[in-house]
C-alpha atoms as a PDB file:
ATOM      1  CA  MET A   1       0.000   0.000   0.000  1.00  0.00           C
ATOM      2  CA  LEU A   2       2.827   2.354   0.919  1.00  0.00           C
ATOM      3  CA  ASN A   3       4.711   1.493  -2.221  1.00  0.00           C
ATOM      4  CA  LYS A   4       1.637   2.252  -4.268  1.00  0.00           C
ATOM      5  CA  SER A   5       1.271   5.682  -2.605  1.00  0.00           C
ATOM      6  CA  LEU A   6       4.943   6.431  -3.192  1.00  0.00           C
ATOM      7  CA  ARG A   7       4.638   5.482  -6.831  1.00  0.00           C
ATOM      8  CA  SER A   8       1.606   7.788  -7.221  1.00  0.00           C
ATOM      9  CA  LEU A   9       3.410  10.673  -5.527  1.00  0.00           C
ATOM     10  CA  PHE A  10       6.453  10.128  -7.705  1.00  0.00           C
ATOM     11  CA  ALA A  11       4.312  10.093 -10.846  1.00  0.00           C
ATOM     12  CA  LEU A  12       2.625  13.338  -9.769  1.00  0.00           C
ATOM     13  CA  MET A  13       5.991  14.974  -9.169  1.00  0.00           C
ATOM     14  CA  VAL A  14       7.215  13.848 -12.576  1.00  0.00           C
ATOM     15  CA  LEU A  15       4.062  15.285 -14.166  1.00  0.00           C
ATOM     16  CA  VAL A  16       4.422  18.626 -12.375  1.00  0.00           C
ATOM     17  CA  PHE A  17       8.109  18.789 -13.262  1.00  0.00           C
ATOM     18  CA  GLY A  18       7.327  17.968 -16.894  1.00  0.00           C
ATOM     19  CA  LEU A  19       4.667  20.638 -17.026  1.00  0.00           C
ATOM     20  CA  GLY A  20       7.151  23.123 -15.545  1.00  0.00           C
ATOM     21  CA  LEU A  21       9.764  22.267 -18.122  1.00  0.00           C
ATOM     22  CA  THR A  22       7.198  22.598 -20.890  1.00  0.00           C
ATOM     23  CA  SER A  23       6.125  26.001 -19.584  1.00  0.00           C
ATOM     24  CA  VAL A  24       9.703  27.218 -19.284  1.00  0.00           C
ATOM     25  CA  SER A  25      10.460  25.982 -22.788  1.00  0.00           C
ATOM     26  CA  ALA A  26       7.361  27.719 -24.135  1.00  0.00           C
ATOM     27  CA  MET A  27       8.312  30.962 -22.399  1.00  0.00           C
ATOM     28  CA  ALA A  28      11.840  30.729 -23.757  1.00  0.00           C
ATOM     29  CA  ALA A  29      10.465  30.082 -27.237  1.00  0.00           C
ATOM     30  CA  ASP A  30       8.140  33.064 -26.924  1.00  0.00           C
ATOM     31  CA  GLU A  31      10.963  35.280 -25.783  1.00  0.00           C
ATOM     32  CA  GLN A  32      13.152  34.072 -28.647  1.00  0.00           C
ATOM     33  CA  SER A  33      10.325  34.665 -31.147  1.00  0.00           C
ATOM     34  CA  SER A  34       9.709  38.162 -29.756  1.00  0.00           C
ATOM     35  CA  SER A  35      13.406  38.924 -29.937  1.00  0.00           C
ATOM     36  CA  GLN A  36      13.567  37.714 -33.528  1.00  0.00           C
ATOM     37  CA  GLN A  37      10.511  39.805 -34.466  1.00  0.00           C
ATOM     38  CA  ALA A  38      12.022  42.862 -32.813  1.00  0.00           C
ATOM     39  CA  LYS A  39      15.284  42.299 -34.682  1.00  0.00           C
ATOM     40  CA  ALA A  40      13.359  41.824 -37.930  1.00  0.00           C
ATOM     41  CA  GLN A  41      11.405  45.032 -37.355  1.00  0.00           C
ATOM     42  CA  THR A  42      14.610  46.878 -36.520  1.00  0.00           C
ATOM     43  CA  SER A  43      16.237  45.464 -39.648  1.00  0.00           C
ATOM     44  CA  GLU A  44      13.264  46.489 -41.790  1.00  0.00           C
ATOM     45  CA  ALA A  45      13.286  49.983 -40.277  1.00  0.00           C
ATOM     46  CA  ASP A  46      17.012  50.319 -40.950  1.00  0.00           C
ATOM     47  CA  LEU A  47      16.520  49.094 -44.511  1.00  0.00           C
ATOM     48  CA  TRP A  48      13.676  51.530 -45.196  1.00  0.00           C
ATOM     49  CA  ARG A  49      15.680  54.346 -43.625  1.00  0.00           C
ATOM     50  CA  ALA A  50      18.608  53.523 -45.908  1.00  0.00           C
ATOM     51  CA  VAL A  51      16.348  53.346 -48.960  1.00  0.00           C
ATOM     52  CA  LYS A  52      14.818  56.740 -48.194  1.00  0.00           C
ATOM     53  CA  SER A  53      18.256  58.274 -47.710  1.00  0.00           C
ATOM     54  CA  GLY A  54      19.251  57.176 -51.212  1.00  0.00           C
ATOM     55  CA  GLU A  55      21.723  54.419 -50.337  1.00  0.00           C
ATOM     56  CA  SER A  56      22.337  51.897 -53.091  1.00  0.00           C
ATOM     57  CA  GLY A  57      22.084  48.138 -52.815  1.00  0.00           C
ATOM     58  CA  TYR A  58      22.279  45.221 -55.222  1.00  0.00           C
ATOM     59  CA  THR A  59      19.710  44.174 -57.800  1.00  0.00           C
ATOM     60  CA  THR A  60      19.804  41.945 -60.836  1.00  0.00           C
ATOM     61  CA  ALA A  61      18.434  44.805 -62.966  1.00  0.00           C
ATOM     62  CA  GLN A  62      20.738  46.479 -65.472  1.00  0.00           C
ATOM     63  CA  GLY A  63      21.043  50.155 -66.398  1.00  0.00           C
ATOM     64  CA  VAL A  64      21.969  53.427 -64.710  1.00  0.00           C
ATOM     65  CA  GLU A  65      21.885  53.259 -60.896  1.00  0.00           C
ATOM     66  CA  PRO A  66      19.867  49.988 -60.742  1.00  0.00           C
ATOM     67  CA  GLY A  67      20.527  49.547 -57.029  1.00  0.00           C
ATOM     68  CA  VAL A  68      18.993  52.894 -56.011  1.00  0.00           C
ATOM     69  CA  LEU A  69      15.287  52.513 -55.203  1.00  0.00           C
ATOM     70  CA  ILE A  70      14.669  56.154 -54.254  1.00  0.00           C
ATOM     71  CA  ASN A  71      16.789  58.918 -55.784  1.00  0.00           C
ATOM     72  CA  VAL A  72      16.980  61.641 -53.136  1.00  0.00           C
ATOM     73  CA  VAL A  73      18.495  64.249 -55.452  1.00  0.00           C
ATOM     74  CA  GLY A  74      15.726  63.694 -57.982  1.00  0.00           C
ATOM     75  CA  GLU A  75      13.043  64.172 -55.344  1.00  0.00           C
ATOM     76  CA  GLN A  76      14.736  67.307 -54.064  1.00  0.00           C
ATOM     77  CA  GLY A  77      15.055  68.657 -57.603  1.00  0.00           C
ATOM     78  CA  ARG A  78      11.386  68.013 -58.272  1.00  0.00           C
ATOM     79  CA  GLU A  79      10.495  69.882 -55.100  1.00  0.00           C
ATOM     80  CA  VAL A  80      12.693  72.841 -56.103  1.00  0.00           C
ATOM     81  CA  ARG A  81      11.059  72.963 -59.529  1.00  0.00           C
ATOM     82  CA  ASN A  82       7.494  72.844 -58.197  1.00  0.00           C
ATOM     83  CA  LYS A  83       8.029  75.020 -55.136  1.00  0.00           C
ATOM     84  CA  TYR A  84      10.356  77.692 -56.509  1.00  0.00           C
ATOM     85  CA  MET A  85      10.932  77.575 -60.272  1.00  0.00           C
ATOM     86  CA  THR A  86       7.308  77.469 -61.374  1.00  0.00           C
ATOM     87  CA  PRO A  87       6.228  80.489 -59.265  1.00  0.00           C
ATOM     88  CA  ILE A  88       9.347  82.449 -60.264  1.00  0.00           C
ATOM     89  CA  MET A  89       8.657  81.806 -63.953  1.00  0.00           C
ATOM     90  CA  GLY A  90       5.064  82.975 -63.527  1.00  0.00           C
ATOM     91  CA  LEU A  91       6.175  86.108 -61.677  1.00  0.00           C
ATOM     92  CA  ALA A  92       8.807  86.842 -64.344  1.00  0.00           C
ATOM     93  CA  VAL A  93       6.242  86.728 -67.144  1.00  0.00           C
ATOM     94  CA  VAL A  94       3.541  88.722 -65.362  1.00  0.00           C
ATOM     95  CA  GLY A  95       5.938  91.082 -63.565  1.00  0.00           C
ATOM     96  CA  VAL A  96       8.105  92.110 -66.515  1.00  0.00           C
ATOM     97  CA  PHE A  97       5.160  92.456 -68.899  1.00  0.00           C
ATOM     98  CA  GLY A  98       3.172  94.428 -66.312  1.00  0.00           C
ATOM     99  CA  ALA A  99       6.111  96.740 -65.541  1.00  0.00           C
ATOM    100  CA  PHE A 100       6.593  97.661 -69.202  1.00  0.00           C
ATOM    101  CA  LEU A 101       2.870  98.065 -69.728  1.00  0.00           C
ATOM    102  CA  LEU A 102       2.767 100.519 -66.818  1.00  0.00           C
ATOM    103  CA  PHE A 103       5.863 102.320 -68.154  1.00  0.00           C
ATOM    104  CA  TYR A 104       4.217 102.644 -71.554  1.00  0.00           C
ATOM    105  CA  PHE A 105       1.048 104.200 -70.161  1.00  0.00           C
ATOM    106  CA  VAL A 106       2.961 106.594 -67.876  1.00  0.00           C
ATOM    107  CA  ASN A 107       5.898 107.493 -70.124  1.00  0.00           C
ATOM    108  CA  GLY A 108       4.667 106.736 -73.622  1.00  0.00           C
ATOM    109  CA  PRO A 109       6.888 105.664 -76.533  1.00  0.00           C
ATOM    110  CA  SER A 110      10.216 107.190 -77.459  1.00  0.00           C
ATOM    111  CA  ARG A 111       9.226 109.375 -80.393  1.00  0.00           C
ATOM    112  CA  LEU A 112      11.536 110.775 -83.063  1.00  0.00           C
ATOM    113  CA  SER A 113      12.457 114.296 -81.975  1.00  0.00           C
ATOM    114  CA  LYS A 114      12.638 115.467 -85.615  1.00  0.00           C
ATOM    115  CA  GLY A 115       9.820 113.261 -86.892  1.00  0.00           C
ATOM    116  CA  PHE A 116      10.097 110.905 -89.848  1.00  0.00           C
ATOM    117  CA  SER A 117      12.368 112.092 -92.642  1.00  0.00           C
ATOM    118  CA  GLY A 118      10.883 109.838 -95.290  1.00  0.00           C
ATOM    119  CA  LYS A 119      14.368 108.693 -96.334  1.00  0.00           C
ATOM    120  CA  MET A 120      15.062 105.026 -95.530  1.00  0.00           C
ATOM    121  CA  VAL A 121      18.627 103.913 -94.726  1.00  0.00           C
ATOM    122  CA  PHE A 122      19.829 100.348 -95.362  1.00  0.00           C
ATOM    123  CA  ARG A 123      20.490  98.537 -92.068  1.00  0.00           C
ATOM    124  CA  TRP A 124      19.830  94.769 -92.317  1.00  0.00           C
ATOM    125  CA  SER A 125      20.426  92.357 -95.206  1.00  0.00           C
ATOM    126  CA  LYS A 126      17.835  89.798 -96.283  1.00  0.00           C
ATOM    127  CA  ALA A 127      19.985  87.078 -94.740  1.00  0.00           C
ATOM    128  CA  ASP A 128      19.924  88.938 -91.400  1.00  0.00           C
ATOM    129  CA  LEU A 129      16.148  89.303 -91.576  1.00  0.00           C
ATOM    130  CA  ILE A 130      15.687  85.587 -92.283  1.00  0.00           C
ATOM    131  CA  ILE A 131      17.983  84.611 -89.407  1.00  0.00           C
ATOM    132  CA  HIS A 132      16.253  87.034 -87.035  1.00  0.00           C
ATOM    133  CA  TRP A 133      12.766  85.777 -87.795  1.00  0.00           C
ATOM    134  CA  CYS A 134      13.820  82.125 -87.705  1.00  0.00           C
ATOM    135  CA  VAL A 135      15.180  82.678 -84.193  1.00  0.00           C
ATOM    136  CA  ALA A 136      12.233  84.884 -83.185  1.00  0.00           C
ATOM    137  CA  ILE A 137       9.490  82.523 -84.360  1.00  0.00           C
ATOM    138  CA  SER A 138      11.130  79.379 -82.994  1.00  0.00           C
ATOM    139  CA  CYS A 139      11.983  81.108 -79.709  1.00  0.00           C
ATOM    140  CA  LEU A 140       8.408  82.362 -79.236  1.00  0.00           C
ATOM    141  CA  THR A 141       7.072  78.897 -80.073  1.00  0.00           C
ATOM    142  CA  LEU A 142       9.328  77.346 -77.446  1.00  0.00           C
ATOM    143  CA  ILE A 143       8.335  80.023 -74.929  1.00  0.00           C
ATOM    144  CA  PHE A 144       4.586  79.474 -75.316  1.00  0.00           C
ATOM    145  CA  THR A 145       4.807  75.682 -75.324  1.00  0.00           C
ATOM    146  CA  GLY A 146       7.277  75.731 -72.432  1.00  0.00           C
ATOM    147  CA  LEU A 147       5.031  78.018 -70.399  1.00  0.00           C
ATOM    148  CA  ASN A 148       2.138  75.644 -70.980  1.00  0.00           C
ATOM    149  CA  ILE A 149       4.257  72.696 -69.823  1.00  0.00           C
ATOM    150  CA  MET A 150       5.377  74.527 -66.666  1.00  0.00           C
ATOM    151  CA  LEU A 151       2.366  76.704 -65.810  1.00  0.00           C
ATOM    152  CA  GLY A 152      -0.517  75.225 -67.789  1.00  0.00           C
ATOM    153  CA  LYS A 153      -1.700  72.939 -64.995  1.00  0.00           C
ATOM    154  CA  HIS A 154      -2.216  76.003 -62.805  1.00  0.00           C
ATOM    155  CA  VAL A 155      -3.547  78.416 -65.455  1.00  0.00           C
ATOM    156  CA  LEU A 156      -5.432  76.343 -68.061  1.00  0.00           C
ATOM    157  CA  GLN A 157      -6.148  72.877 -66.714  1.00  0.00           C
ATOM    158  CA  PRO A 158      -8.733  73.970 -64.090  1.00  0.00           C
ATOM    159  CA  TYR A 159     -10.807  75.696 -66.795  1.00  0.00           C
ATOM    160  CA  VAL A 160     -10.768  73.186 -69.659  1.00  0.00           C
ATOM    161  CA  GLY A 161     -11.950  69.622 -69.990  1.00  0.00           C
ATOM    162  CA  GLY A 162      -9.678  66.659 -69.460  1.00  0.00           C
ATOM    163  CA  ASP A 163      -9.556  65.758 -73.165  1.00  0.00           C
ATOM    164  CA  ILE A 164      -8.714  69.323 -74.178  1.00  0.00           C
ATOM    165  CA  TRP A 165      -6.000  69.578 -71.554  1.00  0.00           C
ATOM    166  CA  ALA A 166      -4.504  66.229 -72.583  1.00  0.00           C
ATOM    167  CA  ALA A 167      -4.341  67.407 -76.201  1.00  0.00           C
ATOM    168  CA  LEU A 168      -2.815  70.748 -75.184  1.00  0.00           C
ATOM    169  CA  ILE A 169      -0.100  69.292 -72.996  1.00  0.00           C
ATOM    170  CA  TYR A 170       0.739  66.513 -75.455  1.00  0.00           C
ATOM    171  CA  GLY A 171       0.828  68.985 -78.343  1.00  0.00           C
ATOM    172  CA  SER A 172       2.997  71.417 -76.373  1.00  0.00           C
ATOM    173  CA  LYS A 173       5.506  68.720 -75.493  1.00  0.00           C
ATOM    174  CA  THR A 174       5.646  67.396 -79.070  1.00  0.00           C
ATOM    175  CA  VAL A 175       6.035  70.841 -80.663  1.00  0.00           C
ATOM    176  CA  HIS A 176       8.601  71.850 -78.039  1.00  0.00           C
ATOM    177  CA  ASP A 177      10.769  68.809 -78.757  1.00  0.00           C
ATOM    178  CA  TRP A 178      10.662  69.231 -82.540  1.00  0.00           C
ATOM    179  CA  VAL A 179      11.123  73.024 -82.696  1.00  0.00           C
ATOM    180  CA  GLY A 180      14.075  72.864 -80.305  1.00  0.00           C
ATOM    181  CA  PRO A 181      16.654  71.607 -82.852  1.00  0.00           C
ATOM    182  CA  PHE A 182      15.521  74.209 -85.405  1.00  0.00           C
ATOM    183  CA  PHE A 183      15.986  76.950 -82.802  1.00  0.00           C
ATOM    184  CA  LEU A 184      19.478  75.706 -81.953  1.00  0.00           C
ATOM    185  CA  VAL A 185      20.622  75.822 -85.588  1.00  0.00           C
ATOM    186  CA  ALA A 186      19.176  79.312 -86.131  1.00  0.00           C
ATOM    187  CA  TRP A 187      20.593  80.458 -82.788  1.00  0.00           C
ATOM    188  CA  ALA A 188      24.097  79.258 -83.705  1.00  0.00           C
ATOM    189  CA  VAL A 189      24.017  81.046 -87.084  1.00  0.00           C
ATOM    190  CA  LEU A 190      22.740  84.281 -85.497  1.00  0.00           C
ATOM    191  CA  VAL A 191      25.377  84.268 -82.746  1.00  0.00           C
ATOM    192  CA  ILE A 192      28.246  83.678 -85.182  1.00  0.00           C
ATOM    193  CA  LYS A 193      27.038  86.233 -87.740  1.00  0.00           C
ATOM    194  CA  TRP A 194      26.129  89.037 -85.334  1.00  0.00           C
ATOM    195  CA  LEU A 195      28.973  88.610 -82.833  1.00  0.00           C
ATOM    196  CA  PRO A 196      31.326  91.287 -84.300  1.00  0.00           C
ATOM    197  CA  ASP A 197      28.788  94.091 -83.678  1.00  0.00           C
ATOM    198  CA  GLN A 198      27.977  93.030 -80.103  1.00  0.00           C
ATOM    199  CA  MET A 199      31.210  93.903 -78.293  1.00  0.00           C
ATOM    200  CA  LEU A 200      30.727  96.254 -75.369  1.00  0.00           C
ATOM    201  CA  LYS A 201      32.146  99.778 -75.686  1.00  0.00           C
ATOM    202  CA  SER A 202      32.844 102.487 -73.127  1.00  0.00           C
ATOM    203  CA  TYR A 203      29.878 104.583 -74.290  1.00  0.00           C
ATOM    204  CA  ASP A 204      27.481 101.704 -73.589  1.00  0.00           C
ATOM    205  CA  LEU A 205      27.627 102.503 -69.872  1.00  0.00           C
ATOM    206  CA  LYS A 206      26.107 105.930 -70.526  1.00  0.00           C
ATOM    207  CA  TRP A 207      23.315 104.237 -72.488  1.00  0.00           C
ATOM    208  CA  PHE A 208      22.367 102.243 -69.396  1.00  0.00           C
ATOM    209  CA  MET A 209      22.641 105.310 -67.148  1.00  0.00           C
ATOM    210  CA  THR A 210      20.193 107.237 -69.340  1.00  0.00           C
ATOM    211  CA  VAL A 211      18.024 104.139 -70.075  1.00  0.00           C
ATOM    212  CA  GLY A 212      18.686 104.565 -73.772  1.00  0.00           C
ATOM    213  CA  GLY A 213      16.908 107.915 -73.998  1.00  0.00           C
ATOM    214  CA  TYR A 214      13.490 106.295 -73.688  1.00  0.00           C
ATOM    215  CA  PHE A 215      12.291 108.580 -70.881  1.00  0.00           C
ATOM    216  CA  ASN A 216       9.856 111.329 -71.838  1.00  0.00           C
ATOM    217  CA  ILE A 217       9.559 112.628 -68.275  1.00  0.00           C
ATOM    218  CA  GLY A 218      11.928 113.693 -65.510  1.00  0.00           C
ATOM    219  CA  PRO A 219      15.603 114.690 -65.707  1.00  0.00           C
ATOM    220  CA  LEU A 220      16.387 112.061 -68.364  1.00  0.00           C
ATOM    221  CA  LYS A 221      13.875 113.455 -70.851  1.00  0.00           C
ATOM    222  CA  GLY A 222      15.341 114.032 -74.291  1.00  0.00           C
ATOM    223  CA  LYS A 223      18.771 112.607 -73.441  1.00  0.00           C
ATOM    224  CA  HIS A 224      19.818 110.351 -76.325  1.00  0.00           C
ATOM    225  CA  PRO A 225      23.100 108.528 -75.558  1.00  0.00           C
ATOM    226  CA  ASP A 226      25.693 107.587 -78.148  1.00  0.00           C
ATOM    227  CA  SER A 227      25.247 104.199 -79.774  1.00  0.00           C
ATOM    228  CA  GLY A 228      26.915 102.208 -82.514  1.00  0.00           C
ATOM    229  CA  PHE A 229      25.248  99.683 -84.811  1.00  0.00           C
ATOM    230  CA  ALA A 230      23.839  97.900 -81.756  1.00  0.00           C
ATOM    231  CA  ASN A 231      22.929  99.847 -78.635  1.00  0.00           C
ATOM    232  CA  ALA A 232      23.783  98.604 -75.137  1.00  0.00           C
ATOM    233  CA  GLY A 233      20.311  97.153 -74.597  1.00  0.00           C
ATOM    234  CA  GLU A 234      20.538  95.126 -77.796  1.00  0.00           C
ATOM    235  CA  LYS A 235      23.993  93.905 -76.784  1.00  0.00           C
ATOM    236  CA  LEU A 236      22.685  92.814 -73.391  1.00  0.00           C
ATOM    237  CA  TRP A 237      19.879  90.930 -75.107  1.00  0.00           C
ATOM    238  CA  PHE A 238      22.340  89.319 -77.547  1.00  0.00           C
ATOM    239  CA  TRP A 239      24.662  88.051 -74.794  1.00  0.00           C
ATOM    240  CA  THR A 240      21.731  86.796 -72.731  1.00  0.00           C
ATOM    241  CA  LEU A 241      20.494  84.838 -75.737  1.00  0.00           C
ATOM    242  CA  ALA A 242      23.992  83.611 -76.609  1.00  0.00           C
ATOM    243  CA  ILE A 243      24.919  82.366 -73.117  1.00  0.00           C
ATOM    244  CA  PHE A 244      21.621  81.052 -71.824  1.00  0.00           C
ATOM    245  CA  GLY A 245      20.614  79.803 -75.268  1.00  0.00           C
ATOM    246  CA  LEU A 246      23.653  77.531 -75.039  1.00  0.00           C
ATOM    247  CA  PHE A 247      22.568  76.343 -71.588  1.00  0.00           C
ATOM    248  CA  ILE A 248      19.061  75.698 -72.868  1.00  0.00           C
ATOM    249  CA  GLY A 249      20.366  73.765 -75.857  1.00  0.00           C
ATOM    250  CA  VAL A 250      22.716  71.496 -73.895  1.00  0.00           C
ATOM    251  CA  SER A 251      20.216  70.823 -71.108  1.00  0.00           C
ATOM    252  CA  GLY A 252      17.432  70.246 -73.628  1.00  0.00           C
ATOM    253  CA  VAL A 253      19.462  67.630 -75.482  1.00  0.00           C
ATOM    254  CA  MET A 254      20.205  65.896 -72.180  1.00  0.00           C
ATOM    255  CA  MET A 255      16.490  65.653 -71.389  1.00  0.00           C
ATOM    256  CA  VAL A 256      15.190  64.719 -74.836  1.00  0.00           C
ATOM    257  CA  LEU A 257      17.630  61.941 -75.772  1.00  0.00           C
ATOM    258  CA  PRO A 258      16.905  58.865 -73.591  1.00  0.00           C
ATOM    259  CA  ASN A 259      19.788  56.841 -75.004  1.00  0.00           C
ATOM    260  CA  LEU A 260      22.302  59.000 -73.149  1.00  0.00           C
ATOM    261  CA  ASP A 261      21.612  56.919 -69.997  1.00  0.00           C
ATOM    262  CA  LEU A 262      22.436  59.790 -67.666  1.00  0.00           C
ATOM    263  CA  PRO A 263      22.276  59.473 -63.873  1.00  0.00           C
ATOM    264  CA  ARG A 264      19.132  60.888 -62.319  1.00  0.00           C
ATOM    265  CA  GLU A 265      21.179  63.688 -60.730  1.00  0.00           C
ATOM    266  CA  ALA A 266      22.404  64.838 -64.151  1.00  0.00           C
ATOM    267  CA  SER A 267      18.885  64.713 -65.608  1.00  0.00           C
ATOM    268  CA  MET A 268      17.463  66.730 -62.726  1.00  0.00           C
ATOM    269  CA  ALA A 269      20.309  69.259 -62.972  1.00  0.00           C
ATOM    270  CA  ALA A 270      19.557  69.625 -66.689  1.00  0.00           C
ATOM    271  CA  LEU A 271      15.880  70.254 -65.905  1.00  0.00           C
ATOM    272  CA  LEU A 272      16.737  72.970 -63.368  1.00  0.00           C
ATOM    273  CA  VAL A 273      19.301  74.646 -65.654  1.00  0.00           C
ATOM    274  CA  HIS A 274      16.780  74.529 -68.497  1.00  0.00           C
ATOM    275  CA  GLY A 275      14.101  76.168 -66.374  1.00  0.00           C
ATOM    276  CA  ILE A 276      16.340  78.912 -64.984  1.00  0.00           C
ATOM    277  CA  SER A 277      17.787  79.745 -68.414  1.00  0.00           C
ATOM    278  CA  ALA A 278      14.330  79.755 -69.980  1.00  0.00           C
ATOM    279  CA  THR A 279      13.021  82.136 -67.311  1.00  0.00           C
ATOM    280  CA  LEU A 280      15.813  84.627 -68.020  1.00  0.00           C
ATOM    281  CA  ILE A 281      15.340  84.425 -71.786  1.00  0.00           C
ATOM    282  CA  ILE A 282      11.572  84.841 -71.440  1.00  0.00           C
ATOM    283  CA  ALA A 283      12.058  87.977 -69.311  1.00  0.00           C
ATOM    284  CA  PHE A 284      14.568  89.473 -71.752  1.00  0.00           C
ATOM    285  CA  THR A 285      12.391  88.538 -74.729  1.00  0.00           C
ATOM    286  CA  ILE A 286       9.497  90.523 -73.270  1.00  0.00           C
ATOM    287  CA  VAL A 287      11.830  93.500 -72.734  1.00  0.00           C
ATOM    288  CA  HIS A 288      13.226  93.193 -76.263  1.00  0.00           C
ATOM    289  CA  ILE A 289       9.791  93.059 -77.887  1.00  0.00           C
ATOM    290  CA  TRP A 290       8.514  96.055 -75.909  1.00  0.00           C
ATOM    291  CA  MET A 291      11.561  98.203 -76.679  1.00  0.00           C
ATOM    292  CA  ALA A 292      11.704  97.255 -80.357  1.00  0.00           C
ATOM    293  CA  THR A 293       8.021  97.862 -81.031  1.00  0.00           C
ATOM    294  CA  ALA A 294       5.759  99.884 -78.734  1.00  0.00           C
ATOM    295  CA  LEU A 295       8.513 101.905 -77.027  1.00  0.00           C
ATOM    296  CA  SER A 296      10.526 102.837 -80.126  1.00  0.00           C
ATOM    297  CA  GLU A 297       8.756 104.834 -82.816  1.00  0.00           C
ATOM    298  CA  GLY A 298       9.920 103.515 -86.186  1.00  0.00           C
ATOM    299  CA  GLY A 299      11.903 100.650 -84.662  1.00  0.00           C
ATOM    300  CA  MET A 300       9.851  97.733 -86.000  1.00  0.00           C
ATOM    301  CA  GLU A 301      10.399  98.817 -89.617  1.00  0.00           C
ATOM    302  CA  CYS A 302      14.043  97.743 -89.349  1.00  0.00           C
ATOM    303  CA  MET A 303      13.162  94.079 -89.012  1.00  0.00           C
ATOM    304  CA  VAL A 304      10.386  94.185 -91.588  1.00  0.00           C
ATOM    305  CA  SER A 305      12.099  95.775 -94.589  1.00  0.00           C
ATOM    306  CA  GLY A 306      15.719  95.957 -93.446  1.00  0.00           C
ATOM    307  CA  TYR A 307      15.649  99.756 -93.711  1.00  0.00           C
ATOM    308  CA  CYS A 308      15.247 102.417 -91.012  1.00  0.00           C
ATOM    309  CA  ASP A 309      14.251 106.056 -91.203  1.00  0.00           C
ATOM    310  CA  GLU A 310      17.263 108.355 -91.384  1.00  0.00           C
ATOM    311  CA  ASN A 311      16.116 110.381 -88.364  1.00  0.00           C
ATOM    312  CA  TRP A 312      15.661 107.136 -86.404  1.00  0.00           C
ATOM    313  CA  ALA A 313      19.249 106.146 -87.262  1.00  0.00           C
ATOM    314  CA  MET A 314      20.614 109.529 -86.179  1.00  0.00           C
ATOM    315  CA  GLN A 315      18.672 109.489 -82.912  1.00  0.00           C
ATOM    316  CA  HIS A 316      19.125 105.883 -81.785  1.00  0.00           C
ATOM    317  CA  HIS A 317      22.374 104.809 -83.511  1.00  0.00           C
ATOM    318  CA  ASN A 318      24.206 108.061 -84.183  1.00  0.00           C
ATOM    319  CA  LEU A 319      27.751 106.657 -84.125  1.00  0.00           C
ATOM    320  CA  TRP A 320      26.853 103.982 -86.661  1.00  0.00           C
ATOM    321  CA  TYR A 321      25.115 106.570 -88.867  1.00  0.00           C
ATOM    322  CA  ASP A 322      28.136 108.893 -88.722  1.00  0.00           C
ATOM    323  CA  GLU A 323      30.428 105.978 -89.584  1.00  0.00           C
ATOM    324  CA  ILE A 324      28.571 104.802 -92.693  1.00  0.00           C
ATOM    325  CA  LYS A 325      28.124 108.406 -93.833  1.00  0.00           C
ATOM    326  CA  ALA A 326      31.851 109.057 -93.457  1.00  0.00           C
ATOM    327  CA  ASN A 327      33.065 105.884 -95.192  1.00  0.00           C
ATOM    328  CA  GLY A 328      30.608 106.124 -98.071  1.00  0.00           C
ATOM    329  CA  THR A 329      28.544 102.981 -97.276  1.00  0.00           C
ATOM    330  CA  LEU A 330      25.357 104.954 -96.508  1.00  0.00           C
ATOM    331  CA  LYS A 331      22.706 103.497 -98.791  1.00  0.00           C
ATOM    332  CA  TYR A 332      19.152 104.742 -99.239  1.00  0.00           C
ATOM    333  CA  ARG A 333      16.203 102.665-100.380  1.00  0.00           C
ATOM    334  CA  GLU A 334      15.201 103.376-103.954  1.00  0.00           C
ATOM    335  CA  GLU A 335      11.565 104.373-104.264  1.00  0.00           C
END
């Protein structure tokens, strides 16, 4: 009887001990599982943090930067374009145009002090006129399509239907890409051909100080500074077009040709350079158009026929007029 009781007690102790071991093992397993999960979560967090910071890893994909899942520079560039470049471009267009419109209404155009003489002096060859209008038309086309690409979603898209907007943005992009090469060729010819007459001279500083004699009011009224074939304002426009036209051309080629396989940083840099250069050229184009047309009486005729009124030449380009008169190259248009 005693042996039977001892055996039962021993069996109970074995059972309790076994249950204890099982519980301890289960707790240890749970702790190990929790530790592994915590390590996995930490590892995943570290991985995601590395991905977001732009660190590269290894993938079987081929191409430029295949191991970079998130390009930090590209995201930062996109933010700069949307947050800063787009508003600045809009302000440049509206601000410069508005300033000259206000100046025109307050000051009026720069009129010929002696009126029109009726005698037309040769100024531009037919080749010059063709080059000018090739650059002008292609440049204006790129400006309008580029403005639609950059600002259209804020200005036009909210007021037109989805189909119309899709056609506008697709058409703008297509025209922009195809007109670009034509502009670059015309730009290169213009820069090479017109370069000799665009060198800055000492008297150009006075032109800037008197704003070219365009003021009809105040202490600068009636002050017409000396100017050669190209005045200081035209030279400033030429060098702006020459320098930033080059930037636009190079950056445009980098963006349009996909086979270049450029890193994302280079592509984003090209986009930013393109936008900044375009903004400057747009601003100077508005200034150039205002000063050559509405603000200069008789100025537009030069780029239509190639001839200018003799009084216009004496008032706005007196040094050039004196030079051609002295060397015998002064040529009048035959009626």
